[in-house]
């Protein structure tokens, strides 16, 4: 999927240019630390003091500023958002917890669609009832449908990553479900390798790692799938490669 109104500059570190300017907002290190949605708070606070309050990610609301996506919102009731997740660590060294988005679950029974526009990242999804987490490797061009019962967040893994998210306008975001707790698992960089670390605030959670596939779903069909996840359950089964 391509955003014709957006130009991407750079490879490891990305910059965006828009023909029409969308409304955007940013999430800083200080907020993620204050709300305790990361795991290694001790080193994160040291990094904040040393580096200052860095931006961890930007969210561009295409439906608030770009005419084509305003029309899509009016017709299909879908919000198109682009997230620029920066690469970085909550640490003063080359080892530490990787940058991530806050994480949330939807307030209403609405699904969400993620597709990677540039570079790669992880998507961490967790089912709190089944005590199961899945770490999804998302490469450029791959996509995932996220069921509304799952908490989910994006995780940086080496380069800035650009992700398109499509969600019904009334889905809502429940951030409190991860506030002061984080996720059952977190991702760290250690000796040049990525390491999954268990969060002791959760107990008995399993985790598996899978790879996302490329999905092509027409917008009219996608709207129905996201609006009525119980009716389209088969689309929310793990559509990942072996």
Protein backbone atom coordinates (compact mmCIF):
# COMPACT_ATOMS: atom_id res chain seq x y z
CA UNK A 1 0.00 0.00 0.00
CA UNK A 2 1.38 3.39 -0.98
CA UNK A 3 0.64 6.87 0.33
CA UNK A 4 0.88 8.98 -2.81
CA UNK A 5 0.82 12.24 -0.86
CA UNK A 6 3.86 11.27 1.22
CA UNK A 7 7.56 11.16 0.31
CA UNK A 8 9.97 9.09 2.42
CA UNK A 9 13.58 10.23 2.74
CA UNK A 10 16.48 8.22 4.15
CA UNK A 11 17.12 4.55 4.83
CA UNK A 12 18.07 3.86 8.46
CA UNK A 13 16.77 7.20 9.73
CA UNK A 14 13.59 8.36 8.03
CA UNK A 15 12.09 11.75 7.30
CA UNK A 16 8.68 12.45 5.79
CA UNK A 17 7.41 15.09 3.39
CA UNK A 18 3.71 15.61 2.62
CA UNK A 19 2.02 17.41 -0.27
CA UNK A 20 -0.83 18.18 2.11
CA UNK A 21 0.05 18.56 5.79
CA UNK A 22 -1.71 16.13 8.13
CA UNK A 23 -2.17 16.75 11.84
CA UNK A 24 0.46 14.88 13.83
CA UNK A 25 1.48 14.28 17.42
CA UNK A 26 4.52 12.74 19.11
CA UNK A 27 5.19 10.52 22.11
CA UNK A 28 8.23 11.40 24.23
CA UNK A 29 10.45 9.24 26.43
CA UNK A 30 9.26 11.05 29.54
CA UNK A 31 5.63 9.98 29.11
CA UNK A 32 6.50 6.33 28.55
CA UNK A 33 8.70 6.41 31.66
CA UNK A 34 6.16 8.30 33.77
CA UNK A 35 3.38 5.84 32.90
CA UNK A 36 5.69 2.84 33.46
CA UNK A 37 4.85 1.12 30.20
CA UNK A 38 8.50 0.16 29.66
CA UNK A 39 10.34 -2.41 31.75
CA UNK A 40 13.81 -1.02 32.45
CA UNK A 41 12.83 2.20 34.21
CA UNK A 42 16.17 2.61 35.98
CA UNK A 43 18.26 2.86 32.82
CA UNK A 44 15.52 4.73 30.97
CA UNK A 45 15.61 7.51 33.57
CA UNK A 46 19.40 7.76 33.21
CA UNK A 47 19.03 8.02 29.42
CA UNK A 48 16.35 10.70 29.79
CA UNK A 49 18.59 12.77 32.06
CA UNK A 50 21.59 12.42 29.74
CA UNK A 51 20.03 12.72 26.26
CA UNK A 52 17.04 14.87 27.10
CA UNK A 53 13.44 14.08 26.23
CA UNK A 54 13.76 12.34 22.88
CA UNK A 55 10.78 11.60 20.65
CA UNK A 56 10.15 7.86 20.46
CA UNK A 57 7.51 8.00 17.74
CA UNK A 58 5.32 10.31 15.67
CA UNK A 59 1.73 9.64 14.57
CA UNK A 60 0.39 11.38 11.46
CA UNK A 61 -3.43 11.50 11.15
CA UNK A 62 -3.86 11.37 7.37
CA UNK A 63 -7.60 11.78 7.81
CA UNK A 64 -6.97 15.17 9.39
CA UNK A 65 -5.32 17.13 6.62
CA UNK A 66 -5.16 15.04 3.44
CA UNK A 67 -8.25 15.27 1.27
CA UNK A 68 -8.24 11.70 -0.04
CA UNK A 69 -8.24 10.24 3.47
CA UNK A 70 -10.91 12.67 4.64
CA UNK A 71 -13.14 11.21 1.92
CA UNK A 72 -12.29 7.64 2.94
CA UNK A 73 -13.19 8.49 6.52
CA UNK A 74 -16.50 10.00 5.43
CA UNK A 75 -17.40 7.01 3.25
CA UNK A 76 -16.04 4.05 5.21
CA UNK A 77 -15.67 5.46 8.76
CA UNK A 78 -12.00 4.47 8.85
CA UNK A 79 -9.03 6.44 10.19
CA UNK A 80 -5.72 6.16 8.33
CA UNK A 81 -2.70 6.92 10.54
CA UNK A 82 1.02 6.69 9.79
CA UNK A 83 3.39 5.96 12.69
CA UNK A 84 7.08 6.81 12.40
CA UNK A 85 8.72 4.67 15.08
CA UNK A 86 12.26 5.85 15.71
CA UNK A 87 15.09 3.44 16.41
CA UNK A 88 16.67 3.85 19.83
CA UNK A 89 17.26 2.36 23.24
CA UNK A 90 16.11 3.38 26.71
CA UNK A 91 19.75 3.20 27.77
CA UNK A 92 23.09 5.00 27.82
CA UNK A 93 24.86 2.03 26.21
CA UNK A 94 24.42 -0.17 23.15
CA UNK A 95 22.47 -2.62 25.29
CA UNK A 96 18.99 -1.91 26.61
CA UNK A 97 15.24 -1.94 26.01
CA UNK A 98 14.32 -0.92 22.47
CA UNK A 99 12.00 1.96 21.57
CA UNK A 100 8.33 1.06 21.39
CA UNK A 101 4.83 2.48 21.15
CA UNK A 102 2.70 2.90 24.27
CA UNK A 103 0.42 -0.04 23.50
CA UNK A 104 -3.33 -0.35 23.90
CA UNK A 105 -6.48 -2.40 23.40
CA UNK A 106 -9.60 -1.11 21.68
CA UNK A 107 -12.52 0.15 23.72
CA UNK A 108 -15.05 -1.15 21.21
CA UNK A 109 -15.25 -4.41 19.30
CA UNK A 110 -13.29 -3.13 16.33
CA UNK A 111 -10.23 -4.58 14.63
CA UNK A 112 -7.12 -2.86 13.31
CA UNK A 113 -4.93 -3.33 10.25
CA UNK A 114 -1.17 -2.66 10.26
CA UNK A 115 1.10 -2.68 7.23
CA UNK A 116 4.80 -1.72 7.11
CA UNK A 117 5.59 0.94 4.53
CA UNK A 118 9.35 1.18 5.10
CA UNK A 119 11.98 -0.97 6.89
CA UNK A 120 10.87 -3.46 9.56
CA UNK A 121 9.75 -3.78 13.16
CA UNK A 122 8.10 -6.17 15.60
CA UNK A 123 4.44 -6.18 16.50
CA UNK A 124 3.82 -7.60 19.97
CA UNK A 125 0.28 -8.83 20.61
CA UNK A 126 -0.94 -10.41 23.84
CA UNK A 127 -4.16 -12.18 24.80
CA UNK A 128 -4.54 -11.48 28.52
CA UNK A 129 -7.24 -14.12 28.97
CA UNK A 130 -5.37 -16.95 27.26
CA UNK A 131 -2.02 -15.75 28.68
CA UNK A 132 -0.37 -15.92 25.30
CA UNK A 133 1.88 -13.46 23.47
CA UNK A 134 2.93 -13.47 19.83
CA UNK A 135 5.92 -11.51 18.57
CA UNK A 136 5.31 -10.79 14.91
CA UNK A 137 8.26 -10.00 12.66
CA UNK A 138 6.93 -7.40 10.21
CA UNK A 139 9.04 -6.74 7.16
CA UNK A 140 8.42 -4.05 4.56
CA UNK A 141 5.20 -4.75 2.68
CA UNK A 142 3.73 -7.22 5.19
CA UNK A 143 0.48 -6.72 7.09
CA UNK A 144 -1.43 -7.97 10.12
CA UNK A 145 -5.08 -7.88 11.21
CA UNK A 146 -5.37 -7.36 14.98
CA UNK A 147 -8.39 -8.65 16.88
CA UNK A 148 -9.90 -6.13 19.35
CA UNK A 149 -9.42 -8.45 22.35
CA UNK A 150 -5.62 -8.23 21.98
CA UNK A 151 -3.32 -5.62 23.49
CA UNK A 152 -0.74 -4.61 20.94
CA UNK A 153 2.31 -2.40 20.43
CA UNK A 154 5.06 -1.81 17.86
CA UNK A 155 8.72 -2.38 18.72
CA UNK A 156 11.79 -0.87 17.04
CA UNK A 157 14.47 -3.34 15.88
CA UNK A 158 17.38 -1.55 14.22
CA UNK A 159 16.07 1.18 11.91
CA UNK A 160 13.33 3.77 11.93
CA UNK A 161 10.14 2.06 10.79
CA UNK A 162 7.10 3.50 9.04
CA UNK A 163 3.76 1.79 9.65
CA UNK A 164 0.30 2.48 8.28
CA UNK A 165 -2.55 1.75 10.67
CA UNK A 166 -6.20 1.54 9.60
CA UNK A 167 -8.88 1.45 12.28
CA UNK A 168 -12.59 2.31 12.55
CA UNK A 169 -13.12 5.86 13.77
CA UNK A 170 -15.06 4.72 16.86
CA UNK A 171 -12.67 1.94 18.02
CA UNK A 172 -11.24 3.93 20.93
CA UNK A 173 -7.93 3.33 22.70
CA UNK A 174 -7.71 1.79 26.16
CA UNK A 175 -4.23 2.82 27.35
CA UNK A 176 -4.95 2.17 31.01
CA UNK A 177 -4.80 -1.57 30.43
CA UNK A 178 -0.99 -1.33 30.08
CA UNK A 179 -0.32 1.77 32.21
CA UNK A 180 1.93 0.98 35.20
CA UNK A 181 2.29 -2.59 33.92
CA UNK A 182 3.72 -2.69 30.42
CA UNK A 183 3.36 -5.92 28.45
CA UNK A 184 3.92 -9.56 29.45
CA UNK A 185 7.13 -9.50 27.39
CA UNK A 186 9.58 -6.77 26.39
CA UNK A 187 12.37 -6.66 23.84
CA UNK A 188 15.98 -5.72 24.64
CA UNK A 189 19.15 -5.34 22.61
CA UNK A 190 22.01 -7.34 24.13
CA UNK A 191 25.44 -7.78 22.53
CA UNK A 192 23.99 -6.92 19.13
CA UNK A 193 21.14 -9.41 19.43
CA UNK A 194 17.49 -8.95 20.29
CA UNK A 195 16.39 -10.63 23.50
CA UNK A 196 12.86 -11.24 24.82
CA UNK A 197 12.53 -10.51 28.54
CA UNK A 198 9.62 -11.60 30.73
CA UNK A 199 7.76 -8.99 32.76
CA UNK A 200 7.36 -10.20 36.35
CA UNK A 201 4.11 -8.24 36.70
CA UNK A 202 2.54 -10.94 34.53
CA UNK A 203 2.72 -14.65 35.31
CA UNK A 204 2.35 -17.76 33.21
CA UNK A 205 2.45 -16.16 29.76
CA UNK A 206 3.79 -18.11 26.81
CA UNK A 207 5.29 -16.47 23.74
CA UNK A 208 5.97 -17.50 20.18
CA UNK A 209 7.57 -15.70 17.26
CA UNK A 210 6.05 -15.66 13.78
CA UNK A 211 6.47 -13.73 10.53
CA UNK A 212 3.80 -11.58 8.92
CA UNK A 213 2.63 -12.13 5.35
CA UNK A 214 1.60 -9.78 2.58
CA UNK A 215 -2.15 -9.14 2.59
CA UNK A 216 -4.20 -7.41 -0.09
CA UNK A 217 -7.74 -6.51 0.96
CA UNK A 218 -9.91 -3.95 -0.90
CA UNK A 219 -10.90 -1.01 1.29
CA UNK A 220 -14.62 -1.81 1.13
CA UNK A 221 -14.00 -5.37 2.33
CA UNK A 222 -11.46 -4.24 4.93
CA UNK A 223 -14.00 -1.84 6.38
CA UNK A 224 -16.44 -4.68 7.01
CA UNK A 225 -13.74 -6.92 8.49
CA UNK A 226 -12.64 -4.21 10.93
CA UNK A 227 -16.17 -3.15 11.87
CA UNK A 228 -17.51 -6.65 12.48
CA UNK A 229 -14.66 -8.89 13.71
CA UNK A 230 -17.01 -11.55 15.08
CA UNK A 231 -18.60 -11.97 11.67
CA UNK A 232 -15.22 -12.26 9.93
CA UNK A 233 -13.36 -14.42 12.45
CA UNK A 234 -11.38 -16.32 9.83
CA UNK A 235 -9.53 -13.13 8.87
CA UNK A 236 -8.29 -12.75 12.45
CA UNK A 237 -6.84 -16.22 12.67
CA UNK A 238 -3.08 -16.06 12.63
CA UNK A 239 -2.40 -15.25 8.98
CA UNK A 240 1.33 -15.79 9.37
CA UNK A 241 3.87 -17.92 7.58
CA UNK A 242 5.13 -21.18 9.03
